[in-house]
Amino acid sequence: MSLCQEFAALKQASETYLQTVYDSVSAESEANIQIKTALLTLLAKAKQHGTAVISAQISQSIIDYLCTISGHSEDLAVLEAHTPSVLTEAELSYIIEHSALARWF
């Protein structure tokens, strides 16, 4: 599966997550964390593989999507846990500034 196909599948999983009614807060939280972690794993993969242009394009698309779907304190915790191993400090700041996470700062 290509990086673009993996990204599309994760976006679909995120949409499904948003439409799902969970039995508990912990089950909902676990699903959210799994999706964010999978996106960050894909981001790491995109940065390590592929041509520079494709890597940069898919990386920015993933970061922009994380801006769209991030806003809870657990999202920030997941993002911070992947900084600097996956996200640079600048990318983390960008996500915070361009997402609902900005309300916490």
PDB file of N, CA and C in Angstrom:
ATOM      1  N   MET A   1       0.848  -1.175   0.000  1.00  0.00           N
ATOM      2  CA  MET A   1       0.000   0.000   0.000  1.00  0.00           C
ATOM      3  C   MET A   1       0.900   1.247   0.000  1.00  0.00           C
ATOM      4  N   SER A   2       0.578   2.204  -0.844  1.00  0.00           N
ATOM      5  CA  SER A   2       1.372   3.426  -0.924  1.00  0.00           C
ATOM      6  C   SER A   2       1.087   4.324   0.281  1.00  0.00           C
ATOM      7  N   LEU A   3       1.957   5.302   0.462  1.00  0.00           N
ATOM      8  CA  LEU A   3       1.759   6.260   1.553  1.00  0.00           C
ATOM      9  C   LEU A   3       0.418   6.973   1.414  1.00  0.00           C
ATOM     10  N   CYS A   4       0.068   7.331   0.188  1.00  0.00           N
ATOM     11  CA  CYS A   4      -1.206   8.029  -0.051  1.00  0.00           C
ATOM     12  C   CYS A   4      -2.391   7.131   0.280  1.00  0.00           C
ATOM     13  N   GLN A   5      -2.291   5.867  -0.071  1.00  0.00           N
ATOM     14  CA  GLN A   5      -3.374   4.925   0.247  1.00  0.00           C
ATOM     15  C   GLN A   5      -3.489   4.709   1.752  1.00  0.00           C
ATOM     16  N   GLU A   6      -2.349   4.604   2.429  1.00  0.00           N
ATOM     17  CA  GLU A   6      -2.371   4.454   3.886  1.00  0.00           C
ATOM     18  C   GLU A   6      -2.995   5.682   4.540  1.00  0.00           C
ATOM     19  N   PHE A   7      -2.637   6.852   4.041  1.00  0.00           N
ATOM     20  CA  PHE A   7      -3.197   8.091   4.581  1.00  0.00           C
ATOM     21  C   PHE A   7      -4.709   8.133   4.363  1.00  0.00           C
ATOM     22  N   ALA A   8      -5.160   7.768   3.181  1.00  0.00           N
ATOM     23  CA  ALA A   8      -6.604   7.749   2.898  1.00  0.00           C
ATOM     24  C   ALA A   8      -7.325   6.773   3.829  1.00  0.00           C
ATOM     25  N   ALA A   9      -6.727   5.627   4.077  1.00  0.00           N
ATOM     26  CA  ALA A   9      -7.335   4.631   4.976  1.00  0.00           C
ATOM     27  C   ALA A   9      -7.418   5.170   6.403  1.00  0.00           C
ATOM     28  N   LEU A  10      -6.386   5.883   6.839  1.00  0.00           N
ATOM     29  CA  LEU A  10      -6.406   6.451   8.190  1.00  0.00           C
ATOM     30  C   LEU A  10      -7.414   7.602   8.303  1.00  0.00           C
ATOM     31  N   LYS A  11      -7.556   8.371   7.248  1.00  0.00           N
ATOM     32  CA  LYS A  11      -8.581   9.418   7.258  1.00  0.00           C
ATOM     33  C   LYS A  11      -9.971   8.795   7.360  1.00  0.00           C
ATOM     34  N   GLN A  12     -10.185   7.686   6.658  1.00  0.00           N
ATOM     35  CA  GLN A  12     -11.465   6.980   6.734  1.00  0.00           C
ATOM     36  C   GLN A  12     -11.679   6.432   8.144  1.00  0.00           C
ATOM     37  N   ALA A  13     -10.635   5.882   8.735  1.00  0.00           N
ATOM     38  CA  ALA A  13     -10.734   5.370  10.108  1.00  0.00           C
ATOM     39  C   ALA A  13     -11.077   6.497  11.075  1.00  0.00           C
ATOM     40  N   SER A  14     -10.526   7.670  10.833  1.00  0.00           N
ATOM     41  CA  SER A  14     -10.821   8.831  11.675  1.00  0.00           C
ATOM     42  C   SER A  14     -12.282   9.253  11.531  1.00  0.00           C
ATOM     43  N   GLU A  15     -12.781   9.253  10.309  1.00  0.00           N
ATOM     44  CA  GLU A  15     -14.189   9.593  10.077  1.00  0.00           C
ATOM     45  C   GLU A  15     -15.106   8.582  10.755  1.00  0.00           C
ATOM     46  N   THR A  16     -14.754   7.316  10.665  1.00  0.00           N
ATOM     47  CA  THR A  16     -15.531   6.265  11.323  1.00  0.00           C
ATOM     48  C   THR A  16     -15.516   6.471  12.830  1.00  0.00           C
ATOM     49  N   TYR A  17     -14.347   6.794  13.369  1.00  0.00           N
ATOM     50  CA  TYR A  17     -14.218   7.076  14.806  1.00  0.00           C
ATOM     51  C   TYR A  17     -15.173   8.194  15.226  1.00  0.00           C
ATOM     52  N   LEU A  18     -15.212   9.247  14.447  1.00  0.00           N
ATOM     53  CA  LEU A  18     -16.059  10.399  14.788  1.00  0.00           C
ATOM     54  C   LEU A  18     -17.551  10.067  14.747  1.00  0.00           C
ATOM     55  N   GLN A  19     -17.939   9.070  13.967  1.00  0.00           N
ATOM     56  CA  GLN A  19     -19.346   8.705  13.821  1.00  0.00           C
ATOM     57  C   GLN A  19     -19.761   7.558  14.737  1.00  0.00           C
ATOM     58  N   THR A  20     -18.810   7.007  15.477  1.00  0.00           N
ATOM     59  CA  THR A  20     -19.073   5.849  16.319  1.00  0.00           C
ATOM     60  C   THR A  20     -19.485   6.283  17.723  1.00  0.00           C
ATOM     61  N   VAL A  21     -20.467   5.603  18.273  1.00  0.00           N
ATOM     62  CA  VAL A  21     -20.850   5.808  19.666  1.00  0.00           C
ATOM     63  C   VAL A  21     -20.172   4.703  20.466  1.00  0.00           C
ATOM     64  N   TYR A  22     -19.328   5.098  21.390  1.00  0.00           N
ATOM     65  CA  TYR A  22     -18.548   4.141  22.158  1.00  0.00           C
ATOM     66  C   TYR A  22     -19.245   3.808  23.469  1.00  0.00           C
ATOM     67  N   ASP A  23     -18.956   2.606  23.979  1.00  0.00           N
ATOM     68  CA  ASP A  23     -19.555   2.136  25.226  1.00  0.00           C
ATOM     69  C   ASP A  23     -18.998   2.856  26.438  1.00  0.00           C
ATOM     70  N   SER A  24     -17.785   3.381  26.306  1.00  0.00           N
ATOM     71  CA  SER A  24     -17.163   4.056  27.440  1.00  0.00           C
ATOM     72  C   SER A  24     -16.226   5.150  26.955  1.00  0.00           C
ATOM     73  N   VAL A  25     -15.905   6.041  27.844  1.00  0.00           N
ATOM     74  CA  VAL A  25     -14.962   7.113  27.534  1.00  0.00           C
ATOM     75  C   VAL A  25     -13.586   6.517  27.253  1.00  0.00           C
ATOM     76  N   SER A  26     -13.223   5.480  27.995  1.00  0.00           N
ATOM     77  CA  SER A  26     -11.899   4.877  27.791  1.00  0.00           C
ATOM     78  C   SER A  26     -11.801   4.209  26.420  1.00  0.00           C
ATOM     79  N   ALA A  27     -12.871   3.583  25.944  1.00  0.00           N
ATOM     80  CA  ALA A  27     -12.861   2.966  24.613  1.00  0.00           C
ATOM     81  C   ALA A  27     -12.744   4.035  23.536  1.00  0.00           C
ATOM     82  N   GLU A  28     -13.434   5.148  23.721  1.00  0.00           N
ATOM     83  CA  GLU A  28     -13.354   6.255  22.770  1.00  0.00           C
ATOM     84  C   GLU A  28     -11.945   6.848  22.761  1.00  0.00           C
ATOM     85  N   SER A  29     -11.391   7.028  23.947  1.00  0.00           N
ATOM     86  CA  SER A  29     -10.046   7.574  24.075  1.00  0.00           C
ATOM     87  C   SER A  29      -9.020   6.663  23.422  1.00  0.00           C
ATOM     88  N   GLU A  30      -9.147   5.370  23.645  1.00  0.00           N
ATOM     89  CA  GLU A  30      -8.226   4.400  23.062  1.00  0.00           C
ATOM     90  C   GLU A  30      -8.277   4.444  21.536  1.00  0.00           C
ATOM     91  N   ALA A  31      -9.473   4.532  20.976  1.00  0.00           N
ATOM     92  CA  ALA A  31      -9.620   4.603  19.520  1.00  0.00           C
ATOM     93  C   ALA A  31      -8.976   5.878  18.974  1.00  0.00           C
ATOM     94  N   ASN A  32      -9.186   6.989  19.657  1.00  0.00           N
ATOM     95  CA  ASN A  32      -8.602   8.261  19.252  1.00  0.00           C
ATOM     96  C   ASN A  32      -7.079   8.185  19.275  1.00  0.00           C
ATOM     97  N   ILE A  33      -6.534   7.654  20.347  1.00  0.00           N
ATOM     98  CA  ILE A  33      -5.080   7.556  20.478  1.00  0.00           C
ATOM     99  C   ILE A  33      -4.502   6.640  19.404  1.00  0.00           C
ATOM    100  N   GLN A  34      -5.186   5.546  19.107  1.00  0.00           N
ATOM    101  CA  GLN A  34      -4.704   4.624  18.065  1.00  0.00           C
ATOM    102  C   GLN A  34      -4.628   5.313  16.708  1.00  0.00           C
ATOM    103  N   ILE A  35      -5.636   6.108  16.391  1.00  0.00           N
ATOM    104  CA  ILE A  35      -5.646   6.805  15.098  1.00  0.00           C
ATOM    105  C   ILE A  35      -4.537   7.843  15.039  1.00  0.00           C
ATOM    106  N   LYS A  36      -4.404   8.642  16.082  1.00  0.00           N
ATOM    107  CA  LYS A  36      -3.347   9.671  16.094  1.00  0.00           C
ATOM    108  C   LYS A  36      -1.961   9.018  16.020  1.00  0.00           C
ATOM    109  N   THR A  37      -1.780   7.940  16.759  1.00  0.00           N
ATOM    110  CA  THR A  37      -0.499   7.238  16.745  1.00  0.00           C
ATOM    111  C   THR A  37      -0.216   6.657  15.359  1.00  0.00           C
ATOM    112  N   ALA A  38      -1.229   6.107  14.727  1.00  0.00           N
ATOM    113  CA  ALA A  38      -1.050   5.558  13.374  1.00  0.00           C
ATOM    114  C   ALA A  38      -0.692   6.665  12.384  1.00  0.00           C
ATOM    115  N   LEU A  39      -1.305   7.830  12.517  1.00  0.00           N
ATOM    116  CA  LEU A  39      -0.966   8.954  11.644  1.00  0.00           C
ATOM    117  C   LEU A  39       0.479   9.391  11.865  1.00  0.00           C
ATOM    118  N   LEU A  40       0.908   9.431  13.109  1.00  0.00           N
ATOM    119  CA  LEU A  40       2.281   9.825  13.402  1.00  0.00           C
ATOM    120  C   LEU A  40       3.281   8.767  12.931  1.00  0.00           C
ATOM    121  N   THR A  41       2.898   7.507  12.996  1.00  0.00           N
ATOM    122  CA  THR A  41       3.743   6.437  12.473  1.00  0.00           C
ATOM    123  C   THR A  41       3.871   6.577  10.953  1.00  0.00           C
ATOM    124  N   LEU A  42       2.768   6.903  10.299  1.00  0.00           N
ATOM    125  CA  LEU A  42       2.808   7.133   8.851  1.00  0.00           C
ATOM    126  C   LEU A  42       3.659   8.354   8.526  1.00  0.00           C
ATOM    127  N   LEU A  43       3.571   9.384   9.340  1.00  0.00           N
ATOM    128  CA  LEU A  43       4.399  10.576   9.135  1.00  0.00           C
ATOM    129  C   LEU A  43       5.878  10.210   9.225  1.00  0.00           C
ATOM    130  N   ALA A  44       6.244   9.413  10.205  1.00  0.00           N
ATOM    131  CA  ALA A  44       7.638   8.973  10.334  1.00  0.00           C
ATOM    132  C   ALA A  44       8.067   8.185   9.101  1.00  0.00           C
ATOM    133  N   LYS A  45       7.187   7.328   8.636  1.00  0.00           N
ATOM    134  CA  LYS A  45       7.460   6.524   7.441  1.00  0.00           C
ATOM    135  C   LYS A  45       7.635   7.428   6.212  1.00  0.00           C
ATOM    136  N   ALA A  46       6.783   8.428   6.100  1.00  0.00           N
ATOM    137  CA  ALA A  46       6.865   9.353   4.960  1.00  0.00           C
ATOM    138  C   ALA A  46       8.170  10.142   4.984  1.00  0.00           C
ATOM    139  N   LYS A  47       8.617  10.511   6.171  1.00  0.00           N
ATOM    140  CA  LYS A  47       9.863  11.271   6.279  1.00  0.00           C
ATOM    141  C   LYS A  47      11.080  10.416   5.953  1.00  0.00           C
ATOM    142  N   GLN A  48      10.992   9.121   6.174  1.00  0.00           N
ATOM    143  CA  GLN A  48      12.133   8.228   5.966  1.00  0.00           C
ATOM    144  C   GLN A  48      12.201   7.661   4.565  1.00  0.00           C
ATOM    145  N   HIS A  49      11.067   7.575   3.891  1.00  0.00           N
ATOM    146  CA  HIS A  49      11.018   6.894   2.599  1.00  0.00           C
ATOM    147  C   HIS A  49      10.464   7.824   1.528  1.00  0.00           C
ATOM    148  N   GLY A  50      10.691   7.447   0.314  1.00  0.00           N
ATOM    149  CA  GLY A  50      10.136   8.205  -0.800  1.00  0.00           C
ATOM    150  C   GLY A  50      11.031   9.347  -1.220  1.00  0.00           C
ATOM    151  N   THR A  51      10.672   9.935  -2.328  1.00  0.00           N
ATOM    152  CA  THR A  51      11.432  11.070  -2.831  1.00  0.00           C
ATOM    153  C   THR A  51      11.167  12.284  -1.954  1.00  0.00           C
ATOM    154  N   ALA A  52      12.028  13.237  -2.026  1.00  0.00           N
ATOM    155  CA  ALA A  52      11.908  14.431  -1.187  1.00  0.00           C
ATOM    156  C   ALA A  52      10.584  15.152  -1.423  1.00  0.00           C
ATOM    157  N   VAL A  53      10.174  15.267  -2.673  1.00  0.00           N
ATOM    158  CA  VAL A  53       8.939  15.984  -2.998  1.00  0.00           C
ATOM    159  C   VAL A  53       7.723  15.248  -2.448  1.00  0.00           C
ATOM    160  N   ILE A  54       7.650  13.939  -2.706  1.00  0.00           N
ATOM    161  CA  ILE A  54       6.506  13.151  -2.223  1.00  0.00           C
ATOM    162  C   ILE A  54       6.498  13.116  -0.708  1.00  0.00           C
ATOM    163  N   SER A  55       7.649  12.945  -0.120  1.00  0.00           N
ATOM    164  CA  SER A  55       7.757  12.915   1.340  1.00  0.00           C
ATOM    165  C   SER A  55       7.266  14.224   1.945  1.00  0.00           C
ATOM    166  N   ALA A  56       7.689  15.333   1.378  1.00  0.00           N
ATOM    167  CA  ALA A  56       7.279  16.642   1.891  1.00  0.00           C
ATOM    168  C   ALA A  56       5.779  16.858   1.712  1.00  0.00           C
ATOM    169  N   GLN A  57       5.231  16.447   0.575  1.00  0.00           N
ATOM    170  CA  GLN A  57       3.804  16.644   0.318  1.00  0.00           C
ATOM    171  C   GLN A  57       2.942  15.822   1.261  1.00  0.00           C
ATOM    172  N   ILE A  58       3.245  14.548   1.397  1.00  0.00           N
ATOM    173  CA  ILE A  58       2.429  13.698   2.258  1.00  0.00           C
ATOM    174  C   ILE A  58       2.632  14.087   3.719  1.00  0.00           C
ATOM    175  N   SER A  59       3.845  14.465   4.086  1.00  0.00           N
ATOM    176  CA  SER A  59       4.101  14.897   5.466  1.00  0.00           C
ATOM    177  C   SER A  59       3.264  16.125   5.801  1.00  0.00           C
ATOM    178  N   GLN A  60       3.235  17.095   4.908  1.00  0.00           N
ATOM    179  CA  GLN A  60       2.440  18.295   5.165  1.00  0.00           C
ATOM    180  C   GLN A  60       0.956  17.976   5.199  1.00  0.00           C
ATOM    181  N   SER A  61       0.520  17.066   4.349  1.00  0.00           N
ATOM    182  CA  SER A  61      -0.892  16.660   4.365  1.00  0.00           C
ATOM    183  C   SER A  61      -1.263  16.014   5.701  1.00  0.00           C
ATOM    184  N   ILE A  62      -0.388  15.178   6.216  1.00  0.00           N
ATOM    185  CA  ILE A  62      -0.650  14.532   7.508  1.00  0.00           C
ATOM    186  C   ILE A  62      -0.675  15.569   8.613  1.00  0.00           C
ATOM    187  N   ILE A  63       0.278  16.479   8.604  1.00  0.00           N
ATOM    188  CA  ILE A  63       0.316  17.531   9.629  1.00  0.00           C
ATOM    189  C   ILE A  63      -0.937  18.397   9.550  1.00  0.00           C
ATOM    190  N   ASP A  64      -1.348  18.767   8.352  1.00  0.00           N
ATOM    191  CA  ASP A  64      -2.570  19.567   8.205  1.00  0.00           C
ATOM    192  C   ASP A  64      -3.796  18.795   8.691  1.00  0.00           C
ATOM    193  N   TYR A  65      -3.835  17.505   8.428  1.00  0.00           N
ATOM    194  CA  TYR A  65      -4.965  16.701   8.899  1.00  0.00           C
ATOM    195  C   TYR A  65      -4.955  16.600  10.419  1.00  0.00           C
ATOM    196  N   LEU A  66      -3.770  16.471  11.014  1.00  0.00           N
ATOM    197  CA  LEU A  66      -3.686  16.471  12.472  1.00  0.00           C
ATOM    198  C   LEU A  66      -4.201  17.795  13.046  1.00  0.00           C
ATOM    199  N   CYS A  67      -3.991  18.889  12.333  1.00  0.00           N
ATOM    200  CA  CYS A  67      -4.552  20.183  12.760  1.00  0.00           C
ATOM    201  C   CYS A  67      -6.080  20.117  12.784  1.00  0.00           C
ATOM    202  N   THR A  68      -6.641  19.478  11.795  1.00  0.00           N
ATOM    203  CA  THR A  68      -8.090  19.380  11.659  1.00  0.00           C
ATOM    204  C   THR A  68      -8.720  18.532  12.757  1.00  0.00           C
ATOM    205  N   ILE A  69      -8.041  17.465  13.159  1.00  0.00           N
ATOM    206  CA  ILE A  69      -8.671  16.498  14.063  1.00  0.00           C
ATOM    207  C   ILE A  69      -8.153  16.560  15.500  1.00  0.00           C
ATOM    208  N   SER A  70      -7.297  17.500  15.807  1.00  0.00           N
ATOM    209  CA  SER A  70      -6.742  17.580  17.163  1.00  0.00           C
ATOM    210  C   SER A  70      -7.380  18.725  17.940  1.00  0.00           C
ATOM    211  N   GLY A  71      -7.653  18.453  19.207  1.00  0.00           N
ATOM    212  CA  GLY A  71      -8.223  19.505  20.040  1.00  0.00           C
ATOM    213  C   GLY A  71      -8.357  19.134  21.502  1.00  0.00           C
ATOM    214  N   HIS A  72      -8.175  17.866  21.809  1.00  0.00           N
ATOM    215  CA  HIS A  72      -8.321  17.412  23.196  1.00  0.00           C
ATOM    216  C   HIS A  72      -6.958  17.312  23.865  1.00  0.00           C
ATOM    217  N   SER A  73      -6.952  17.327  25.176  1.00  0.00           N
ATOM    218  CA  SER A  73      -5.699  17.229  25.912  1.00  0.00           C
ATOM    219  C   SER A  73      -4.972  15.925  25.610  1.00  0.00           C
ATOM    220  N   GLU A  74      -5.719  14.840  25.369  1.00  0.00           N
ATOM    221  CA  GLU A  74      -5.054  13.573  25.037  1.00  0.00           C
ATOM    222  C   GLU A  74      -4.374  13.646  23.673  1.00  0.00           C
ATOM    223  N   ASP A  75      -4.911  14.470  22.773  1.00  0.00           N
ATOM    224  CA  ASP A  75      -4.263  14.667  21.470  1.00  0.00           C
ATOM    225  C   ASP A  75      -2.903  15.330  21.673  1.00  0.00           C
ATOM    226  N   LEU A  76      -2.885  16.351  22.511  1.00  0.00           N
ATOM    227  CA  LEU A  76      -1.631  17.041  22.796  1.00  0.00           C
ATOM    228  C   LEU A  76      -0.623  16.080  23.416  1.00  0.00           C
ATOM    229  N   ALA A  77      -1.068  15.233  24.317  1.00  0.00           N
ATOM    230  CA  ALA A  77      -0.168  14.270  24.954  1.00  0.00           C
ATOM    231  C   ALA A  77       0.431  13.321  23.924  1.00  0.00           C
ATOM    232  N   VAL A  78      -0.380  12.858  22.973  1.00  0.00           N
ATOM    233  CA  VAL A  78       0.126  11.963  21.923  1.00  0.00           C
ATOM    234  C   VAL A  78       1.135  12.700  21.048  1.00  0.00           C
ATOM    235  N   LEU A  79       0.814  13.914  20.660  1.00  0.00           N
ATOM    236  CA  LEU A  79       1.723  14.691  19.818  1.00  0.00           C
ATOM    237  C   LEU A  79       3.045  14.950  20.538  1.00  0.00           C
ATOM    238  N   GLU A  80       2.960  15.338  21.798  1.00  0.00           N
ATOM    239  CA  GLU A  80       4.179  15.606  22.564  1.00  0.00           C
ATOM    240  C   GLU A  80       5.013  14.338  22.752  1.00  0.00           C
ATOM    241  N   ALA A  81       4.360  13.204  22.882  1.00  0.00           N
ATOM    242  CA  ALA A  81       5.082  11.940  23.048  1.00  0.00           C
ATOM    243  C   ALA A  81       5.866  11.574  21.787  1.00  0.00           C
ATOM    244  N   HIS A  82       5.478  12.135  20.660  1.00  0.00           N
ATOM    245  CA  HIS A  82       6.154  11.856  19.395  1.00  0.00           C
ATOM    246  C   HIS A  82       7.049  13.013  18.948  1.00  0.00           C
ATOM    247  N   THR A  83       7.347  13.904  19.882  1.00  0.00           N
ATOM    248  CA  THR A  83       8.248  15.028  19.612  1.00  0.00           C
ATOM    249  C   THR A  83       9.481  14.832  20.481  1.00  0.00           C
ATOM    250  N   PRO A  84      10.660  14.850  19.990  1.00  0.00           N
ATOM    251  CA  PRO A  84      11.105  15.124  18.629  1.00  0.00           C
ATOM    252  C   PRO A  84      11.330  13.877  17.775  1.00  0.00           C
ATOM    253  N   SER A  85      10.915  12.708  18.237  1.00  0.00           N
ATOM    254  CA  SER A  85      11.189  11.488  17.477  1.00  0.00           C
ATOM    255  C   SER A  85      10.531  11.479  16.101  1.00  0.00           C
ATOM    256  N   VAL A  86       9.339  12.054  15.988  1.00  0.00           N
ATOM    257  CA  VAL A  86       8.639  12.117  14.694  1.00  0.00           C
ATOM    258  C   VAL A  86       8.394  13.569  14.303  1.00  0.00           C
ATOM    259  N   LEU A  87       7.760  14.299  15.183  1.00  0.00           N
ATOM    260  CA  LEU A  87       7.463  15.714  14.931  1.00  0.00           C
ATOM    261  C   LEU A  87       8.626  16.579  15.397  1.00  0.00           C
ATOM    262  N   THR A  88       8.951  17.579  14.613  1.00  0.00           N
ATOM    263  CA  THR A  88       9.910  18.571  15.088  1.00  0.00           C
ATOM    264  C   THR A  88       9.165  19.528  16.020  1.00  0.00           C
ATOM    265  N   GLU A  89       9.888  20.293  16.780  1.00  0.00           N
ATOM    266  CA  GLU A  89       9.259  21.300  17.644  1.00  0.00           C
ATOM    267  C   GLU A  89       8.446  22.286  16.799  1.00  0.00           C
ATOM    268  N   ALA A  90       8.967  22.639  15.636  1.00  0.00           N
ATOM    269  CA  ALA A  90       8.256  23.566  14.742  1.00  0.00           C
ATOM    270  C   ALA A  90       6.948  22.960  14.249  1.00  0.00           C
ATOM    271  N   GLU A  91       6.964  21.668  13.915  1.00  0.00           N
ATOM    272  CA  GLU A  91       5.730  21.010  13.467  1.00  0.00           C
ATOM    273  C   GLU A  91       4.717  20.922  14.594  1.00  0.00           C
ATOM    274  N   LEU A  92       5.171  20.607  15.794  1.00  0.00           N
ATOM    275  CA  LEU A  92       4.267  20.573  16.947  1.00  0.00           C
ATOM    276  C   LEU A  92       3.652  21.946  17.174  1.00  0.00           C
ATOM    277  N   SER A  93       4.458  22.976  17.136  1.00  0.00           N
ATOM    278  CA  SER A  93       3.946  24.339  17.303  1.00  0.00           C
ATOM    279  C   SER A  93       2.929  24.695  16.229  1.00  0.00           C
ATOM    280  N   TYR A  94       3.214  24.299  14.996  1.00  0.00           N
ATOM    281  CA  TYR A  94       2.298  24.553  13.881  1.00  0.00           C
ATOM    282  C   TYR A  94       0.957  23.882  14.136  1.00  0.00           C
ATOM    283  N   ILE A  95       0.980  22.620  14.554  1.00  0.00           N
ATOM    284  CA  ILE A  95      -0.267  21.894  14.818  1.00  0.00           C
ATOM    285  C   ILE A  95      -1.044  22.574  15.937  1.00  0.00           C
ATOM    286  N   ILE A  96      -0.355  22.954  16.988  1.00  0.00           N
ATOM    287  CA  ILE A  96      -1.031  23.621  18.110  1.00  0.00           C
ATOM    288  C   ILE A  96      -1.671  24.927  17.649  1.00  0.00           C
ATOM    289  N   GLU A  97      -0.919  25.721  16.909  1.00  0.00           N
ATOM    290  CA  GLU A  97      -1.409  27.033  16.466  1.00  0.00           C
ATOM    291  C   GLU A  97      -2.562  26.936  15.479  1.00  0.00           C
ATOM    292  N   HIS A  98      -2.612  25.862  14.686  1.00  0.00           N
ATOM    293  CA  HIS A  98      -3.605  25.746  13.622  1.00  0.00           C
ATOM    294  C   HIS A  98      -4.694  24.722  13.918  1.00  0.00           C
ATOM    295  N   SER A  99      -4.860  24.402  15.175  1.00  0.00           N
ATOM    296  CA  SER A  99      -5.898  23.433  15.565  1.00  0.00           C
ATOM    297  C   SER A  99      -6.649  23.970  16.775  1.00  0.00           C
ATOM    298  N   ALA A 100      -7.627  23.210  17.187  1.00  0.00           N
ATOM    299  CA  ALA A 100      -8.375  23.586  18.392  1.00  0.00           C
ATOM    300  C   ALA A 100      -7.517  23.498  19.647  1.00  0.00           C
ATOM    301  N   LEU A 101      -6.324  22.927  19.542  1.00  0.00           N
ATOM    302  CA  LEU A 101      -5.423  22.879  20.688  1.00  0.00           C
ATOM    303  C   LEU A 101      -4.986  24.277  21.122  1.00  0.00           C
ATOM    304  N   ALA A 102      -5.068  25.238  20.217  1.00  0.00           N
ATOM    305  CA  ALA A 102      -4.649  26.606  20.524  1.00  0.00           C
ATOM    306  C   ALA A 102      -5.423  27.183  21.702  1.00  0.00           C
ATOM    307  N   ARG A 103      -6.622  26.699  21.931  1.00  0.00           N
ATOM    308  CA  ARG A 103      -7.424  27.225  23.044  1.00  0.00           C
ATOM    309  C   ARG A 103      -6.816  26.929  24.413  1.00  0.00           C
ATOM    310  N   TRP A 104      -5.896  25.964  24.471  1.00  0.00           N
ATOM    311  CA  TRP A 104      -5.267  25.592  25.742  1.00  0.00           C
ATOM    312  C   TRP A 104      -4.050  26.453  26.035  1.00  0.00           C
ATOM    313  N   PHE A 105      -3.651  27.284  25.073  1.00  0.00           N
ATOM    314  CA  PHE A 105      -2.422  28.081  25.237  1.00  0.00           C
ATOM    315  C   PHE A 105      -2.709  29.561  25.216  1.00  0.00           C
TER     316      PHE A 105
END
